[in-house]
N, C-alpha and C. Protein backbone atom coordinates (compact mmCIF):
# COMPACT_ATOMS: atom_id res chain seq x y z
N MET A 1 10.74 12.02 15.70
CA MET A 1 10.75 11.34 14.63
C MET A 1 9.49 11.04 14.01
N SER A 2 9.46 10.56 12.88
CA SER A 2 7.92 10.18 12.06
C SER A 2 7.61 9.42 12.01
N PHE A 3 5.74 9.30 12.10
CA PHE A 3 5.14 7.93 11.98
C PHE A 3 5.29 7.28 10.22
N VAL A 4 5.34 6.12 9.80
CA VAL A 4 4.98 6.14 8.92
C VAL A 4 3.81 4.38 8.50
N HIS A 5 2.88 4.30 8.16
CA HIS A 5 1.88 3.45 7.64
C HIS A 5 2.86 2.49 7.22
N LEU A 6 3.17 1.42 7.58
CA LEU A 6 3.78 0.09 7.01
C LEU A 6 3.03 -1.31 6.64
N HIS A 7 1.65 -1.40 6.25
CA HIS A 7 0.94 -2.50 6.93
C HIS A 7 -0.80 -1.60 6.15
N VAL A 8 -1.20 -0.79 4.73
CA VAL A 8 -2.26 -0.61 4.45
C VAL A 8 -2.92 -1.59 3.44
N HIS A 9 -4.27 -1.89 3.52
CA HIS A 9 -4.74 -2.42 2.46
C HIS A 9 -5.55 -1.61 1.72
N THR A 10 -5.53 -1.80 -0.13
CA THR A 10 -6.38 -0.40 -0.45
C THR A 10 -7.44 -1.02 -1.28
N GLU A 11 -8.36 -0.61 -1.62
CA GLU A 11 -9.41 -1.11 -2.69
C GLU A 11 -8.76 -2.62 -2.98
N TYR A 12 -7.43 -2.51 -3.78
CA TYR A 12 -7.45 -4.06 -4.37
C TYR A 12 -7.46 -5.11 -3.94
N SER A 13 -7.25 -5.27 -2.16
CA SER A 13 -7.67 -6.02 -1.34
C SER A 13 -8.90 -6.48 -1.17
N LEU A 14 -9.36 -7.37 -1.84
CA LEU A 14 -10.53 -8.23 -1.79
C LEU A 14 -11.34 -8.38 -0.15
N LEU A 15 -12.64 -7.05 0.29
CA LEU A 15 -13.43 -7.92 1.57
C LEU A 15 -12.12 -7.36 2.68
N ASP A 16 -11.18 -6.40 1.96
CA ASP A 16 -10.14 -6.15 3.47
C ASP A 16 -9.91 -4.58 3.39
N GLY A 17 -9.67 -4.15 2.28
CA GLY A 17 -9.16 -2.54 1.96
C GLY A 17 -10.16 -2.09 1.72
N PHE A 18 -9.93 -0.86 1.88
CA PHE A 18 -11.34 0.34 1.62
C PHE A 18 -10.48 1.13 0.82
N SER A 19 -8.75 1.44 1.45
CA SER A 19 -8.31 3.23 0.73
C SER A 19 -8.34 3.22 -0.65
N ASN A 20 -8.16 4.47 -1.19
CA ASN A 20 -8.60 4.73 -2.56
C ASN A 20 -7.12 5.07 -2.56
N VAL A 21 -6.43 4.60 -3.65
CA VAL A 21 -4.86 4.85 -3.78
C VAL A 21 -4.33 6.56 -4.04
N LYS A 22 -5.27 7.07 -4.39
CA LYS A 22 -4.92 8.68 -4.42
C LYS A 22 -5.51 9.64 -3.45
N LYS A 23 -6.66 8.75 -2.35
CA LYS A 23 -6.92 9.58 -1.74
C LYS A 23 -6.02 9.43 0.35
N LEU A 24 -5.02 8.07 -0.69
CA LEU A 24 -4.38 7.36 0.93
C LEU A 24 -3.24 8.55 0.55
N VAL A 25 -2.81 9.17 -0.50
CA VAL A 25 -1.75 9.60 -0.67
C VAL A 25 -1.34 11.17 -0.52
N LYS A 26 -3.08 11.59 -1.20
CA LYS A 26 -3.67 12.62 0.07
C LYS A 26 -3.16 13.33 1.60
N ARG A 27 -3.96 11.93 1.83
CA ARG A 27 -4.24 12.13 3.37
C ARG A 27 -2.64 12.01 3.91
N THR A 28 -1.91 11.39 3.25
CA THR A 28 -0.41 10.89 4.25
C THR A 28 0.41 12.58 3.76
N GLN A 29 0.16 13.23 2.99
CA GLN A 29 0.54 14.18 2.34
C GLN A 29 -0.21 15.28 3.90
N GLU A 30 -1.56 15.20 3.61
CA GLU A 30 -2.08 16.82 4.97
C GLU A 30 -1.71 16.19 6.17
N MET A 31 -1.49 14.86 6.88
CA MET A 31 -0.66 14.73 7.94
C MET A 31 0.91 14.84 8.31
N GLY A 32 1.24 15.02 7.00
CA GLY A 32 2.50 15.24 7.52
C GLY A 32 4.55 14.04 7.17
N MET A 33 3.30 12.94 6.80
CA MET A 33 3.96 11.53 7.21
C MET A 33 4.89 11.78 5.91
N PRO A 34 6.02 11.13 5.95
CA PRO A 34 6.94 11.30 5.16
C PRO A 34 7.33 10.52 3.40
N ALA A 35 6.62 8.97 4.37
CA ALA A 35 6.17 7.67 3.83
C ALA A 35 4.77 6.75 3.74
N VAL A 36 4.85 6.18 2.88
CA VAL A 36 3.47 4.99 2.93
C VAL A 36 3.73 3.83 2.49
N ALA A 37 3.24 3.33 2.76
CA ALA A 37 3.17 1.77 1.87
C ALA A 37 1.78 1.02 1.68
N ILE A 38 1.88 0.64 0.59
CA ILE A 38 0.93 -0.36 0.95
C ILE A 38 1.19 -1.97 0.19
N THR A 39 0.51 -2.56 1.01
CA THR A 39 0.43 -4.35 1.48
C THR A 39 -0.67 -5.20 0.91
N ASP A 40 -1.10 -5.18 -0.20
CA ASP A 40 -2.12 -5.90 -0.75
C ASP A 40 -2.47 -7.06 -0.95
N HIS A 41 -3.11 -8.18 -0.47
CA HIS A 41 -3.45 -9.25 -0.94
C HIS A 41 -3.24 -9.69 -1.73
N GLY A 42 -1.76 -10.42 -1.89
CA GLY A 42 -1.68 -11.24 -3.07
C GLY A 42 -1.71 -10.08 -4.25
N THR A 43 -2.00 -9.23 -4.13
CA THR A 43 -1.37 -8.41 -5.74
C THR A 43 -1.00 -6.93 -5.57
N MET A 44 -0.69 -7.19 -6.96
CA MET A 44 -0.45 -5.20 -7.23
C MET A 44 -0.47 -4.79 -8.30
N PHE A 45 -2.00 -4.58 -8.24
CA PHE A 45 -2.23 -3.90 -9.09
C PHE A 45 -2.67 -2.51 -9.15
N GLY A 46 -2.70 -2.49 -7.77
CA GLY A 46 -2.57 -0.77 -7.34
C GLY A 46 -0.91 -0.25 -7.24
N VAL A 47 -0.21 -0.03 -8.07
CA VAL A 47 1.17 -0.53 -7.55
C VAL A 47 1.82 0.79 -8.58
N VAL A 48 1.48 0.80 -9.87
CA VAL A 48 1.56 1.79 -10.42
C VAL A 48 1.15 3.70 -10.00
N ASP A 49 -0.17 3.16 -10.00
CA ASP A 49 -0.91 4.10 -9.90
C ASP A 49 -0.65 4.67 -7.91
N PHE A 50 -0.25 3.98 -6.97
CA PHE A 50 0.54 4.38 -6.17
C PHE A 50 1.57 5.26 -5.99
N TYR A 51 2.46 4.60 -7.11
CA TYR A 51 3.85 5.08 -7.29
C TYR A 51 3.94 6.47 -7.70
N ASN A 52 3.12 6.80 -9.08
CA ASN A 52 2.75 8.11 -9.34
C ASN A 52 2.94 8.79 -8.37
N ALA A 53 1.12 8.53 -7.94
CA ALA A 53 0.56 9.64 -7.30
C ALA A 53 1.72 9.88 -5.86
N ALA A 54 2.06 9.20 -5.21
CA ALA A 54 3.31 9.11 -4.56
C ALA A 54 4.02 10.38 -4.36
N THR A 55 5.22 10.13 -5.80
CA THR A 55 6.02 10.50 -5.82
C THR A 55 5.68 12.28 -6.25
N ALA A 56 4.52 12.06 -7.43
CA ALA A 56 4.02 13.24 -7.11
C ALA A 56 3.73 14.43 -6.52
N ALA A 57 3.62 14.14 -5.33
CA ALA A 57 3.27 14.61 -3.67
C ALA A 57 4.11 14.61 -2.89
N GLY A 58 5.17 14.34 -3.39
CA GLY A 58 6.47 14.12 -2.50
C GLY A 58 6.59 13.51 -1.72
N VAL A 59 5.55 12.08 -1.69
CA VAL A 59 5.84 11.24 -0.61
C VAL A 59 6.61 9.93 -1.26
N LYS A 60 7.17 9.56 -0.07
CA LYS A 60 7.42 8.33 -0.88
C LYS A 60 6.84 6.97 -0.39
N PRO A 61 6.98 6.11 -1.71
CA PRO A 61 6.01 5.29 -1.95
C PRO A 61 6.96 3.91 -1.36
N ILE A 62 6.08 3.45 -0.14
CA ILE A 62 6.85 1.89 0.06
C ILE A 62 6.00 0.62 -0.68
N ILE A 63 6.51 0.20 -1.48
CA ILE A 63 5.55 -0.54 -2.06
C ILE A 63 5.34 -2.10 -1.43
N GLY A 64 4.79 -2.94 -1.41
CA GLY A 64 4.74 -4.22 -0.44
C GLY A 64 3.52 -5.22 -1.07
N LEU A 65 3.77 -6.64 0.18
CA LEU A 65 2.83 -7.87 -1.10
C LEU A 65 2.05 -8.13 0.57
N GLU A 66 1.29 -8.47 0.73
CA GLU A 66 0.84 -9.86 1.54
C GLU A 66 1.04 -11.20 1.19
N ALA A 67 1.24 -11.81 1.08
CA ALA A 67 1.37 -13.08 1.07
C ALA A 67 1.23 -13.72 2.02
N TYR A 68 0.70 -15.47 1.23
CA TYR A 68 0.55 -16.66 2.02
C TYR A 68 1.50 -17.73 1.76
N LEU A 69 1.82 -18.08 2.06
CA LEU A 69 2.91 -18.98 1.88
C LEU A 69 2.64 -20.50 2.47
N ALA A 70 2.23 -22.01 1.37
CA ALA A 70 1.92 -23.03 1.82
C ALA A 70 2.65 -24.28 1.35
N PRO A 71 2.28 -25.22 2.67
CA PRO A 71 3.77 -25.69 2.71
C PRO A 71 3.46 -27.10 0.71
N ARG A 72 4.02 -27.50 0.57
CA ARG A 72 4.09 -27.97 -0.88
C ARG A 72 2.90 -29.88 -0.16
N ARG A 73 2.22 -29.85 -0.97
CA ARG A 73 1.39 -31.24 -0.86
C ARG A 73 2.40 -32.55 -1.58
N MET A 74 2.32 -33.20 -0.49
CA MET A 74 3.00 -34.26 -0.66
C MET A 74 2.02 -35.40 -0.91
N GLY A 75 2.59 -36.45 -1.84
CA GLY A 75 1.94 -37.54 -2.29
C GLY A 75 0.00 -37.27 -3.22
């Protein structure tokens, strides 16, 4: 059974992520993982570069988003 990271923040997650998209995909490929996800905080700025880099490297890109919901304020 292969391991796949499903909760990764890239440099687009301010103050939380550090991974460069292209380096992340390269390392994923080097480690023999079939897929990897990015789940940045409230932004999808990196998904096009991530998708292109992953598909070119033969790695399945899983695109996600870490979002926060707040109840509607009444009154």
